[in-house]
mmCIF file of all heavy atoms, coordinates in Angstrom:
data_MODEL
# 
_entry.id   MODEL 
# 
loop_
_atom_site.group_PDB 
_atom_site.id 
_atom_site.type_symbol 
_atom_site.label_atom_id 
_atom_site.label_alt_id 
_atom_site.label_comp_id 
_atom_site.label_asym_id 
_atom_site.label_entity_id 
_atom_site.label_seq_id 
_atom_site.pdbx_PDB_ins_code 
_atom_site.Cartn_x 
_atom_site.Cartn_y 
_atom_site.Cartn_z 
_atom_site.occupancy 
_atom_site.B_iso_or_equiv 
_atom_site.pdbx_formal_charge 
_atom_site.auth_seq_id 
_atom_site.auth_comp_id 
_atom_site.auth_asym_id 
_atom_site.auth_atom_id 
_atom_site.pdbx_PDB_model_num 
ATOM 1   N N   . PHE A 1 1  ? -10.037 7.091   0.308   1.00 0.00 ? 1  PHE A N   1 
ATOM 2   C CA  . PHE A 1 1  ? -9.057  7.985   -0.356  1.00 0.00 ? 1  PHE A CA  1 
ATOM 3   C C   . PHE A 1 1  ? -9.719  9.088   -1.184  1.00 0.00 ? 1  PHE A C   1 
ATOM 4   O O   . PHE A 1 1  ? -9.007  9.927   -1.746  1.00 0.00 ? 1  PHE A O   1 
ATOM 5   C CB  . PHE A 1 1  ? -8.122  7.141   -1.247  1.00 0.00 ? 1  PHE A CB  1 
ATOM 6   C CG  . PHE A 1 1  ? -7.332  6.138   -0.472  1.00 0.00 ? 1  PHE A CG  1 
ATOM 7   C CD1 . PHE A 1 1  ? -7.720  4.803   -0.430  1.00 0.00 ? 1  PHE A CD1 1 
ATOM 8   C CD2 . PHE A 1 1  ? -6.214  6.520   0.245   1.00 0.00 ? 1  PHE A CD2 1 
ATOM 9   C CE1 . PHE A 1 1  ? -7.006  3.865   0.310   1.00 0.00 ? 1  PHE A CE1 1 
ATOM 10  C CE2 . PHE A 1 1  ? -5.495  5.611   0.993   1.00 0.00 ? 1  PHE A CE2 1 
ATOM 11  C CZ  . PHE A 1 1  ? -5.898  4.279   1.017   1.00 0.00 ? 1  PHE A CZ  1 
ATOM 12  N N   . TYR A 1 2  ? -11.035 9.090   -1.213  1.00 0.00 ? 2  TYR A N   1 
ATOM 13  C CA  . TYR A 1 2  ? -11.754 10.111  -1.995  1.00 0.00 ? 2  TYR A CA  1 
ATOM 14  C C   . TYR A 1 2  ? -11.427 11.508  -1.473  1.00 0.00 ? 2  TYR A C   1 
ATOM 15  O O   . TYR A 1 2  ? -11.535 11.772  -0.276  1.00 0.00 ? 2  TYR A O   1 
ATOM 16  C CB  . TYR A 1 2  ? -13.268 9.873   -1.940  1.00 0.00 ? 2  TYR A CB  1 
ATOM 17  C CG  . TYR A 1 2  ? -14.058 10.840  -2.754  1.00 0.00 ? 2  TYR A CG  1 
ATOM 18  C CD1 . TYR A 1 2  ? -14.163 10.699  -4.133  1.00 0.00 ? 2  TYR A CD1 1 
ATOM 19  C CD2 . TYR A 1 2  ? -14.690 11.932  -2.160  1.00 0.00 ? 2  TYR A CD2 1 
ATOM 20  C CE1 . TYR A 1 2  ? -14.882 11.598  -4.906  1.00 0.00 ? 2  TYR A CE1 1 
ATOM 21  C CE2 . TYR A 1 2  ? -15.415 12.849  -2.909  1.00 0.00 ? 2  TYR A CE2 1 
ATOM 22  C CZ  . TYR A 1 2  ? -15.500 12.667  -4.286  1.00 0.00 ? 2  TYR A CZ  1 
ATOM 23  O OH  . TYR A 1 2  ? -16.213 13.576  -5.045  1.00 0.00 ? 2  TYR A OH  1 
ATOM 24  N N   . GLY A 1 3  ? -11.026 12.392  -2.381  1.00 0.00 ? 3  GLY A N   1 
ATOM 25  C CA  . GLY A 1 3  ? -10.679 13.758  -2.004  1.00 0.00 ? 3  GLY A CA  1 
ATOM 26  C C   . GLY A 1 3  ? -9.293  13.896  -1.403  1.00 0.00 ? 3  GLY A C   1 
ATOM 27  O O   . GLY A 1 3  ? -8.859  15.026  -1.133  1.00 0.00 ? 3  GLY A O   1 
ATOM 28  N N   . ARG A 1 4  ? -8.590  12.802  -1.219  1.00 0.00 ? 4  ARG A N   1 
ATOM 29  C CA  . ARG A 1 4  ? -7.243  12.850  -0.639  1.00 0.00 ? 4  ARG A CA  1 
ATOM 30  C C   . ARG A 1 4  ? -6.177  12.562  -1.676  1.00 0.00 ? 4  ARG A C   1 
ATOM 31  O O   . ARG A 1 4  ? -5.142  13.237  -1.735  1.00 0.00 ? 4  ARG A O   1 
ATOM 32  C CB  . ARG A 1 4  ? -7.131  11.802  0.495   1.00 0.00 ? 4  ARG A CB  1 
ATOM 33  C CG  . ARG A 1 4  ? -8.076  12.074  1.653   1.00 0.00 ? 4  ARG A CG  1 
ATOM 34  C CD  . ARG A 1 4  ? -8.181  10.875  2.592   1.00 0.00 ? 4  ARG A CD  1 
ATOM 35  N NE  . ARG A 1 4  ? -6.938  10.560  3.240   1.00 0.00 ? 4  ARG A NE  1 
ATOM 36  C CZ  . ARG A 1 4  ? -6.776  9.572   4.111   1.00 0.00 ? 4  ARG A CZ  1 
ATOM 37  N NH1 . ARG A 1 4  ? -7.828  8.808   4.420   1.00 0.00 ? 4  ARG A NH1 1 
ATOM 38  N NH2 . ARG A 1 4  ? -5.604  9.335   4.672   1.00 0.00 ? 4  ARG A NH2 1 
ATOM 39  N N   . VAL A 1 5  ? -6.409  11.565  -2.505  1.00 0.00 ? 5  VAL A N   1 
ATOM 40  C CA  . VAL A 1 5  ? -5.481  11.213  -3.569  1.00 0.00 ? 5  VAL A CA  1 
ATOM 41  C C   . VAL A 1 5  ? -6.269  10.486  -4.648  1.00 0.00 ? 5  VAL A C   1 
ATOM 42  O O   . VAL A 1 5  ? -7.205  9.751   -4.364  1.00 0.00 ? 5  VAL A O   1 
ATOM 43  C CB  . VAL A 1 5  ? -4.308  10.352  -3.038  1.00 0.00 ? 5  VAL A CB  1 
ATOM 44  C CG1 . VAL A 1 5  ? -4.795  9.021   -2.525  1.00 0.00 ? 5  VAL A CG1 1 
ATOM 45  C CG2 . VAL A 1 5  ? -3.247  10.165  -4.102  1.00 0.00 ? 5  VAL A CG2 1 
ATOM 46  N N   . ASP A 1 6  ? -5.921  10.726  -5.898  1.00 0.00 ? 6  ASP A N   1 
ATOM 47  C CA  . ASP A 1 6  ? -6.647  10.137  -7.027  1.00 0.00 ? 6  ASP A CA  1 
ATOM 48  C C   . ASP A 1 6  ? -6.153  8.703   -7.263  1.00 0.00 ? 6  ASP A C   1 
ATOM 49  O O   . ASP A 1 6  ? -5.011  8.490   -7.628  1.00 0.00 ? 6  ASP A O   1 
ATOM 50  C CB  . ASP A 1 6  ? -6.420  10.988  -8.265  1.00 0.00 ? 6  ASP A CB  1 
ATOM 51  C CG  . ASP A 1 6  ? -7.275  10.546  -9.440  1.00 0.00 ? 6  ASP A CG  1 
ATOM 52  O OD1 . ASP A 1 6  ? -8.302  9.871   -9.197  1.00 0.00 ? 6  ASP A OD1 1 
ATOM 53  O OD2 . ASP A 1 6  ? -6.913  10.846  -10.587 1.00 0.00 ? 6  ASP A OD2 1 
ATOM 54  N N   . VAL A 1 7  ? -7.028  7.735   -7.033  1.00 0.00 ? 7  VAL A N   1 
ATOM 55  C CA  . VAL A 1 7  ? -6.682  6.342   -7.272  1.00 0.00 ? 7  VAL A CA  1 
ATOM 56  C C   . VAL A 1 7  ? -7.666  5.724   -8.253  1.00 0.00 ? 7  VAL A C   1 
ATOM 57  O O   . VAL A 1 7  ? -8.839  6.092   -8.271  1.00 0.00 ? 7  VAL A O   1 
ATOM 58  C CB  . VAL A 1 7  ? -6.624  5.511   -5.981  1.00 0.00 ? 7  VAL A CB  1 
ATOM 59  C CG1 . VAL A 1 7  ? -5.558  6.040   -5.038  1.00 0.00 ? 7  VAL A CG1 1 
ATOM 60  C CG2 . VAL A 1 7  ? -7.974  5.476   -5.294  1.00 0.00 ? 7  VAL A CG2 1 
ATOM 61  N N   . ILE A 1 8  ? -7.184  4.791   -9.054  1.00 0.00 ? 8  ILE A N   1 
ATOM 62  C CA  . ILE A 1 8  ? -8.045  4.092   -10.022 1.00 0.00 ? 8  ILE A CA  1 
ATOM 63  C C   . ILE A 1 8  ? -8.900  3.058   -9.301  1.00 0.00 ? 8  ILE A C   1 
ATOM 64  O O   . ILE A 1 8  ? -10.090 2.903   -9.581  1.00 0.00 ? 8  ILE A O   1 
ATOM 65  C CB  . ILE A 1 8  ? -7.182  3.410   -11.107 1.00 0.00 ? 8  ILE A CB  1 
ATOM 66  C CG1 . ILE A 1 8  ? -6.250  4.419   -11.793 1.00 0.00 ? 8  ILE A CG1 1 
ATOM 67  C CG2 . ILE A 1 8  ? -8.058  2.682   -12.123 1.00 0.00 ? 8  ILE A CG2 1 
ATOM 68  C CD1 . ILE A 1 8  ? -6.966  5.530   -12.523 1.00 0.00 ? 8  ILE A CD1 1 
ATOM 69  N N   . HIS A 1 9  ? -8.274  2.336   -8.387  1.00 0.00 ? 9  HIS A N   1 
ATOM 70  C CA  . HIS A 1 9  ? -8.948  1.274   -7.654  1.00 0.00 ? 9  HIS A CA  1 
ATOM 71  C C   . HIS A 1 9  ? -8.331  1.170   -6.262  1.00 0.00 ? 9  HIS A C   1 
ATOM 72  O O   . HIS A 1 9  ? -7.158  1.435   -6.066  1.00 0.00 ? 9  HIS A O   1 
ATOM 73  C CB  . HIS A 1 9  ? -8.755  -0.063  -8.379  1.00 0.00 ? 9  HIS A CB  1 
ATOM 74  C CG  . HIS A 1 9  ? -9.126  -1.265  -7.550  1.00 0.00 ? 9  HIS A CG  1 
ATOM 75  N ND1 . HIS A 1 9  ? -10.415 -1.758  -7.497  1.00 0.00 ? 9  HIS A ND1 1 
ATOM 76  C CD2 . HIS A 1 9  ? -8.380  -2.054  -6.716  1.00 0.00 ? 9  HIS A CD2 1 
ATOM 77  C CE1 . HIS A 1 9  ? -10.438 -2.798  -6.685  1.00 0.00 ? 9  HIS A CE1 1 
ATOM 78  N NE2 . HIS A 1 9  ? -9.233  -3.009  -6.198  1.00 0.00 ? 9  HIS A NE2 1 
ATOM 79  N N   . ALA A 1 10 ? -9.153  0.792   -5.284  1.00 0.00 ? 10 ALA A N   1 
ATOM 80  C CA  . ALA A 1 10 ? -8.639  0.509   -3.936  1.00 0.00 ? 10 ALA A CA  1 
ATOM 81  C C   . ALA A 1 10 ? -9.500  -0.602  -3.330  1.00 0.00 ? 10 ALA A C   1 
ATOM 82  O O   . ALA A 1 10 ? -10.725 -0.577  -3.468  1.00 0.00 ? 10 ALA A O   1 
ATOM 83  C CB  . ALA A 1 10 ? -8.651  1.740   -3.047  1.00 0.00 ? 10 ALA A CB  1 
ATOM 84  N N   . SER A 1 11 ? -8.845  -1.546  -2.703  1.00 0.00 ? 11 SER A N   1 
ATOM 85  C CA  . SER A 1 11 ? -9.600  -2.619  -2.038  1.00 0.00 ? 11 SER A CA  1 
ATOM 86  C C   . SER A 1 11 ? -8.716  -3.355  -1.040  1.00 0.00 ? 11 SER A C   1 
ATOM 87  O O   . SER A 1 11 ? -7.486  -3.263  -1.089  1.00 0.00 ? 11 SER A O   1 
ATOM 88  C CB  . SER A 1 11 ? -10.140 -3.622  -3.080  1.00 0.00 ? 11 SER A CB  1 
ATOM 89  O OG  . SER A 1 11 ? -9.070  -4.337  -3.691  1.00 0.00 ? 11 SER A OG  1 
ATOM 90  N N   . ALA A 1 12 ? -9.355  -4.067  -0.151  1.00 0.00 ? 12 ALA A N   1 
ATOM 91  C CA  . ALA A 1 12 ? -8.649  -4.961  0.767   1.00 0.00 ? 12 ALA A CA  1 
ATOM 92  C C   . ALA A 1 12 ? -9.383  -6.320  0.724   1.00 0.00 ? 12 ALA A C   1 
ATOM 93  O O   . ALA A 1 12 ? -10.561 -6.387  0.383   1.00 0.00 ? 12 ALA A O   1 
ATOM 94  C CB  . ALA A 1 12 ? -8.668  -4.407  2.184   1.00 0.00 ? 12 ALA A CB  1 
ATOM 95  N N   . PHE A 1 13 ? -8.659  -7.359  1.070   1.00 0.00 ? 13 PHE A N   1 
ATOM 96  C CA  . PHE A 1 13 ? -9.203  -8.723  0.947   1.00 0.00 ? 13 PHE A CA  1 
ATOM 97  C C   . PHE A 1 13 ? -10.085 -9.090  2.131   1.00 0.00 ? 13 PHE A C   1 
ATOM 98  O O   . PHE A 1 13 ? -11.182 -9.622  1.974   1.00 0.00 ? 13 PHE A O   1 
ATOM 99  C CB  . PHE A 1 13 ? -8.055  -9.704  0.805   1.00 0.00 ? 13 PHE A CB  1 
ATOM 100 C CG  . PHE A 1 13 ? -8.472  -11.136 0.626   1.00 0.00 ? 13 PHE A CG  1 
ATOM 101 C CD1 . PHE A 1 13 ? -9.539  -11.464 -0.176  1.00 0.00 ? 13 PHE A CD1 1 
ATOM 102 C CD2 . PHE A 1 13 ? -7.770  -12.151 1.257   1.00 0.00 ? 13 PHE A CD2 1 
ATOM 103 C CE1 . PHE A 1 13 ? -9.941  -12.797 -0.363  1.00 0.00 ? 13 PHE A CE1 1 
ATOM 104 C CE2 . PHE A 1 13 ? -8.160  -13.479 1.082   1.00 0.00 ? 13 PHE A CE2 1 
ATOM 105 C CZ  . PHE A 1 13 ? -9.231  -13.800 0.266   1.00 0.00 ? 13 PHE A CZ  1 
ATOM 106 N N   . VAL A 1 14 ? -9.600  -8.830  3.350   1.00 0.00 ? 14 VAL A N   1 
ATOM 107 C CA  . VAL A 1 14 ? -10.325 -9.259  4.561   1.00 0.00 ? 14 VAL A CA  1 
ATOM 108 C C   . VAL A 1 14 ? -10.406 -8.117  5.553   1.00 0.00 ? 14 VAL A C   1 
ATOM 109 O O   . VAL A 1 14 ? -9.678  -7.134  5.459   1.00 0.00 ? 14 VAL A O   1 
ATOM 110 C CB  . VAL A 1 14 ? -9.651  -10.472 5.222   1.00 0.00 ? 14 VAL A CB  1 
ATOM 111 C CG1 . VAL A 1 14 ? -9.702  -11.695 4.291   1.00 0.00 ? 14 VAL A CG1 1 
ATOM 112 C CG2 . VAL A 1 14 ? -8.179  -10.174 5.577   1.00 0.00 ? 14 VAL A CG2 1 
ATOM 113 N N   . TYR A 1 15 ? -11.310 -8.267  6.545   1.00 0.00 ? 15 TYR A N   1 
ATOM 114 C CA  . TYR A 1 15 ? -11.427 -7.281  7.611   1.00 0.00 ? 15 TYR A CA  1 
ATOM 115 C C   . TYR A 1 15 ? -10.492 -7.646  8.773   1.00 0.00 ? 15 TYR A C   1 
ATOM 116 O O   . TYR A 1 15 ? -10.330 -8.820  9.121   1.00 0.00 ? 15 TYR A O   1 
ATOM 117 C CB  . TYR A 1 15 ? -12.859 -7.208  8.138   1.00 0.00 ? 15 TYR A CB  1 
ATOM 118 C CG  . TYR A 1 15 ? -13.818 -6.491  7.219   1.00 0.00 ? 15 TYR A CG  1 
ATOM 119 C CD1 . TYR A 1 15 ? -14.909 -7.143  6.656   1.00 0.00 ? 15 TYR A CD1 1 
ATOM 120 C CD2 . TYR A 1 15 ? -13.645 -5.130  6.953   1.00 0.00 ? 15 TYR A CD2 1 
ATOM 121 C CE1 . TYR A 1 15 ? -15.797 -6.484  5.823   1.00 0.00 ? 15 TYR A CE1 1 
ATOM 122 C CE2 . TYR A 1 15 ? -14.530 -4.452  6.119   1.00 0.00 ? 15 TYR A CE2 1 
ATOM 123 C CZ  . TYR A 1 15 ? -15.605 -5.137  5.572   1.00 0.00 ? 15 TYR A CZ  1 
ATOM 124 O OH  . TYR A 1 15 ? -16.482 -4.485  4.740   1.00 0.00 ? 15 TYR A OH  1 
ATOM 125 N N   . PHE A 1 16 ? -9.940  -6.604  9.371   1.00 0.00 ? 16 PHE A N   1 
ATOM 126 C CA  . PHE A 1 16 ? -9.053  -6.748  10.519  1.00 0.00 ? 16 PHE A CA  1 
ATOM 127 C C   . PHE A 1 16 ? -9.822  -6.345  11.771  1.00 0.00 ? 16 PHE A C   1 
ATOM 128 O O   . PHE A 1 16 ? -10.239 -5.203  11.906  1.00 0.00 ? 16 PHE A O   1 
ATOM 129 C CB  . PHE A 1 16 ? -7.834  -5.838  10.330  1.00 0.00 ? 16 PHE A CB  1 
ATOM 130 C CG  . PHE A 1 16 ? -6.790  -5.897  11.406  1.00 0.00 ? 16 PHE A CG  1 
ATOM 131 C CD1 . PHE A 1 16 ? -5.622  -6.600  11.205  1.00 0.00 ? 16 PHE A CD1 1 
ATOM 132 C CD2 . PHE A 1 16 ? -6.972  -5.242  12.617  1.00 0.00 ? 16 PHE A CD2 1 
ATOM 133 C CE1 . PHE A 1 16 ? -4.634  -6.657  12.190  1.00 0.00 ? 16 PHE A CE1 1 
ATOM 134 C CE2 . PHE A 1 16 ? -5.999  -5.291  13.612  1.00 0.00 ? 16 PHE A CE2 1 
ATOM 135 C CZ  . PHE A 1 16 ? -4.830  -6.020  13.399  1.00 0.00 ? 16 PHE A CZ  1 
ATOM 136 N N   . HIS A 1 17 ? -10.045 -7.311  12.655  1.00 0.00 ? 17 HIS A N   1 
ATOM 137 C CA  . HIS A 1 17 ? -10.704 -7.033  13.934  1.00 0.00 ? 17 HIS A CA  1 
ATOM 138 C C   . HIS A 1 17 ? -9.717  -7.319  15.077  1.00 0.00 ? 17 HIS A C   1 
ATOM 139 O O   . HIS A 1 17 ? -8.946  -8.273  14.994  1.00 0.00 ? 17 HIS A O   1 
ATOM 140 C CB  . HIS A 1 17 ? -11.923 -7.923  14.147  1.00 0.00 ? 17 HIS A CB  1 
ATOM 141 C CG  . HIS A 1 17 ? -12.973 -7.761  13.099  1.00 0.00 ? 17 HIS A CG  1 
ATOM 142 N ND1 . HIS A 1 17 ? -13.427 -8.811  12.335  1.00 0.00 ? 17 HIS A ND1 1 
ATOM 143 C CD2 . HIS A 1 17 ? -13.662 -6.678  12.701  1.00 0.00 ? 17 HIS A CD2 1 
ATOM 144 C CE1 . HIS A 1 17 ? -14.360 -8.376  11.506  1.00 0.00 ? 17 HIS A CE1 1 
ATOM 145 N NE2 . HIS A 1 17 ? -14.514 -7.090  11.685  1.00 0.00 ? 17 HIS A NE2 1 
ATOM 146 N N   . LYS A 1 18 ? -9.755  -6.518  16.111  1.00 0.00 ? 18 LYS A N   1 
ATOM 147 C CA  . LYS A 1 18 ? -8.898  -6.763  17.271  1.00 0.00 ? 18 LYS A CA  1 
ATOM 148 C C   . LYS A 1 18 ? -9.239  -8.108  17.883  1.00 0.00 ? 18 LYS A C   1 
ATOM 149 O O   . LYS A 1 18 ? -10.396 -8.460  18.054  1.00 0.00 ? 18 LYS A O   1 
ATOM 150 C CB  . LYS A 1 18 ? -9.079  -5.652  18.319  1.00 0.00 ? 18 LYS A CB  1 
ATOM 151 C CG  . LYS A 1 18 ? -8.456  -4.329  17.888  1.00 0.00 ? 18 LYS A CG  1 
ATOM 152 C CD  . LYS A 1 18 ? -8.527  -3.295  19.002  1.00 0.00 ? 18 LYS A CD  1 
ATOM 153 C CE  . LYS A 1 18 ? -7.849  -1.994  18.577  1.00 0.00 ? 18 LYS A CE  1 
ATOM 154 N NZ  . LYS A 1 18 ? -7.897  -0.969  19.643  1.00 0.00 ? 18 LYS A NZ  1 
ATOM 155 N N   . LYS A 1 19 ? -8.195  -8.895  18.137  1.00 0.00 ? 19 LYS A N   1 
ATOM 156 C CA  . LYS A 1 19 ? -8.285  -10.226 18.741  1.00 0.00 ? 19 LYS A CA  1 
ATOM 157 C C   . LYS A 1 19 ? -9.016  -11.228 17.824  1.00 0.00 ? 19 LYS A C   1 
ATOM 158 O O   . LYS A 1 19 ? -9.485  -12.264 18.290  1.00 0.00 ? 19 LYS A O   1 
ATOM 159 C CB  . LYS A 1 19 ? -8.978  -10.164 20.118  1.00 0.00 ? 19 LYS A CB  1 
ATOM 160 C CG  . LYS A 1 19 ? -8.229  -9.306  21.118  1.00 0.00 ? 19 LYS A CG  1 
ATOM 161 C CD  . LYS A 1 19 ? -8.899  -9.329  22.491  1.00 0.00 ? 19 LYS A CD  1 
ATOM 162 C CE  . LYS A 1 19 ? -8.117  -8.479  23.498  1.00 0.00 ? 19 LYS A CE  1 
ATOM 163 N NZ  . LYS A 1 19 ? -8.759  -8.469  24.830  1.00 0.00 ? 19 LYS A NZ  1 
ATOM 164 N N   . GLY A 1 20 ? -9.056  -10.922 16.533  1.00 0.00 ? 20 GLY A N   1 
ATOM 165 C CA  . GLY A 1 20 ? -9.709  -11.808 15.583  1.00 0.00 ? 20 GLY A CA  1 
ATOM 166 C C   . GLY A 1 20 ? -8.706  -12.642 14.813  1.00 0.00 ? 20 GLY A C   1 
ATOM 167 O O   . GLY A 1 20 ? -7.486  -12.561 15.016  1.00 0.00 ? 20 GLY A O   1 
ATOM 168 N N   . ILE A 1 21 ? -9.224  -13.468 13.898  1.00 0.00 ? 21 ILE A N   1 
ATOM 169 C CA  . ILE A 1 21 ? -8.408  -14.348 13.084  1.00 0.00 ? 21 ILE A CA  1 
ATOM 170 C C   . ILE A 1 21 ? -7.371  -13.570 12.288  1.00 0.00 ? 21 ILE A C   1 
ATOM 171 O O   . ILE A 1 21 ? -6.193  -13.911 12.239  1.00 0.00 ? 21 ILE A O   1 
ATOM 172 C CB  . ILE A 1 21 ? -9.295  -15.165 12.126  1.00 0.00 ? 21 ILE A CB  1 
ATOM 173 C CG1 . ILE A 1 21 ? -10.220 -16.108 12.897  1.00 0.00 ? 21 ILE A CG1 1 
ATOM 174 C CG2 . ILE A 1 21 ? -8.445  -15.961 11.132  1.00 0.00 ? 21 ILE A CG2 1 
ATOM 175 C CD1 . ILE A 1 21 ? -11.291 -16.748 12.014  1.00 0.00 ? 21 ILE A CD1 1 
ATOM 176 N N   . VAL A 1 22 ? -7.832  -12.487 11.637  1.00 0.00 ? 22 VAL A N   1 
ATOM 177 C CA  . VAL A 1 22 ? -6.947  -11.743 10.766  1.00 0.00 ? 22 VAL A CA  1 
ATOM 178 C C   . VAL A 1 22 ? -5.840  -11.045 11.543  1.00 0.00 ? 22 VAL A C   1 
ATOM 179 O O   . VAL A 1 22 ? -4.699  -10.971 11.092  1.00 0.00 ? 22 VAL A O   1 
ATOM 180 C CB  . VAL A 1 22 ? -7.744  -10.739 9.900   1.00 0.00 ? 22 VAL A CB  1 
ATOM 181 C CG1 . VAL A 1 22 ? -6.816  -9.863  9.069   1.00 0.00 ? 22 VAL A CG1 1 
ATOM 182 C CG2 . VAL A 1 22 ? -8.717  -11.493 8.992   1.00 0.00 ? 22 VAL A CG2 1 
ATOM 183 N N   . GLN A 1 23 ? -6.173  -10.505 12.719  1.00 0.00 ? 23 GLN A N   1 
ATOM 184 C CA  . GLN A 1 23 ? -5.121  -9.877  13.539  1.00 0.00 ? 23 GLN A CA  1 
ATOM 185 C C   . GLN A 1 23 ? -4.027  -10.877 13.859  1.00 0.00 ? 23 GLN A C   1 
ATOM 186 O O   . GLN A 1 23 ? -2.834  -10.577 13.761  1.00 0.00 ? 23 GLN A O   1 
ATOM 187 C CB  . GLN A 1 23 ? -5.682  -9.328  14.822  1.00 0.00 ? 23 GLN A CB  1 
ATOM 188 C CG  . GLN A 1 23 ? -4.600  -8.606  15.646  1.00 0.00 ? 23 GLN A CG  1 
ATOM 189 C CD  . GLN A 1 23 ? -5.095  -8.151  17.017  1.00 0.00 ? 23 GLN A CD  1 
ATOM 190 O OE1 . GLN A 1 23 ? -5.592  -8.957  17.788  1.00 0.00 ? 23 GLN A OE1 1 
ATOM 191 N NE2 . GLN A 1 23 ? -4.939  -6.876  17.293  1.00 0.00 ? 23 GLN A NE2 1 
ATOM 192 N N   . GLU A 1 24 ? -4.406  -12.103 14.228  1.00 0.00 ? 24 GLU A N   1 
ATOM 193 C CA  . GLU A 1 24 ? -3.429  -13.125 14.534  1.00 0.00 ? 24 GLU A CA  1 
ATOM 194 C C   . GLU A 1 24 ? -2.599  -13.488 13.304  1.00 0.00 ? 24 GLU A C   1 
ATOM 195 O O   . GLU A 1 24 ? -1.377  -13.663 13.389  1.00 0.00 ? 24 GLU A O   1 
ATOM 196 C CB  . GLU A 1 24 ? -4.129  -14.357 15.093  1.00 0.00 ? 24 GLU A CB  1 
ATOM 197 C CG  . GLU A 1 24 ? -3.180  -15.449 15.613  1.00 0.00 ? 24 GLU A CG  1 
ATOM 198 C CD  . GLU A 1 24 ? -2.400  -15.013 16.822  1.00 0.00 ? 24 GLU A CD  1 
ATOM 199 O OE1 . GLU A 1 24 ? -2.797  -14.028 17.506  1.00 0.00 ? 24 GLU A OE1 1 
ATOM 200 O OE2 . GLU A 1 24 ? -1.382  -15.663 17.128  1.00 0.00 ? 24 GLU A OE2 1 
# 
């Protein structure tokens, strides 16, 4: 989001991979 919108914090918990655990 740098240079696009001013945010204090940004994060995600897990990675999303195609055909992976998180996608399911």
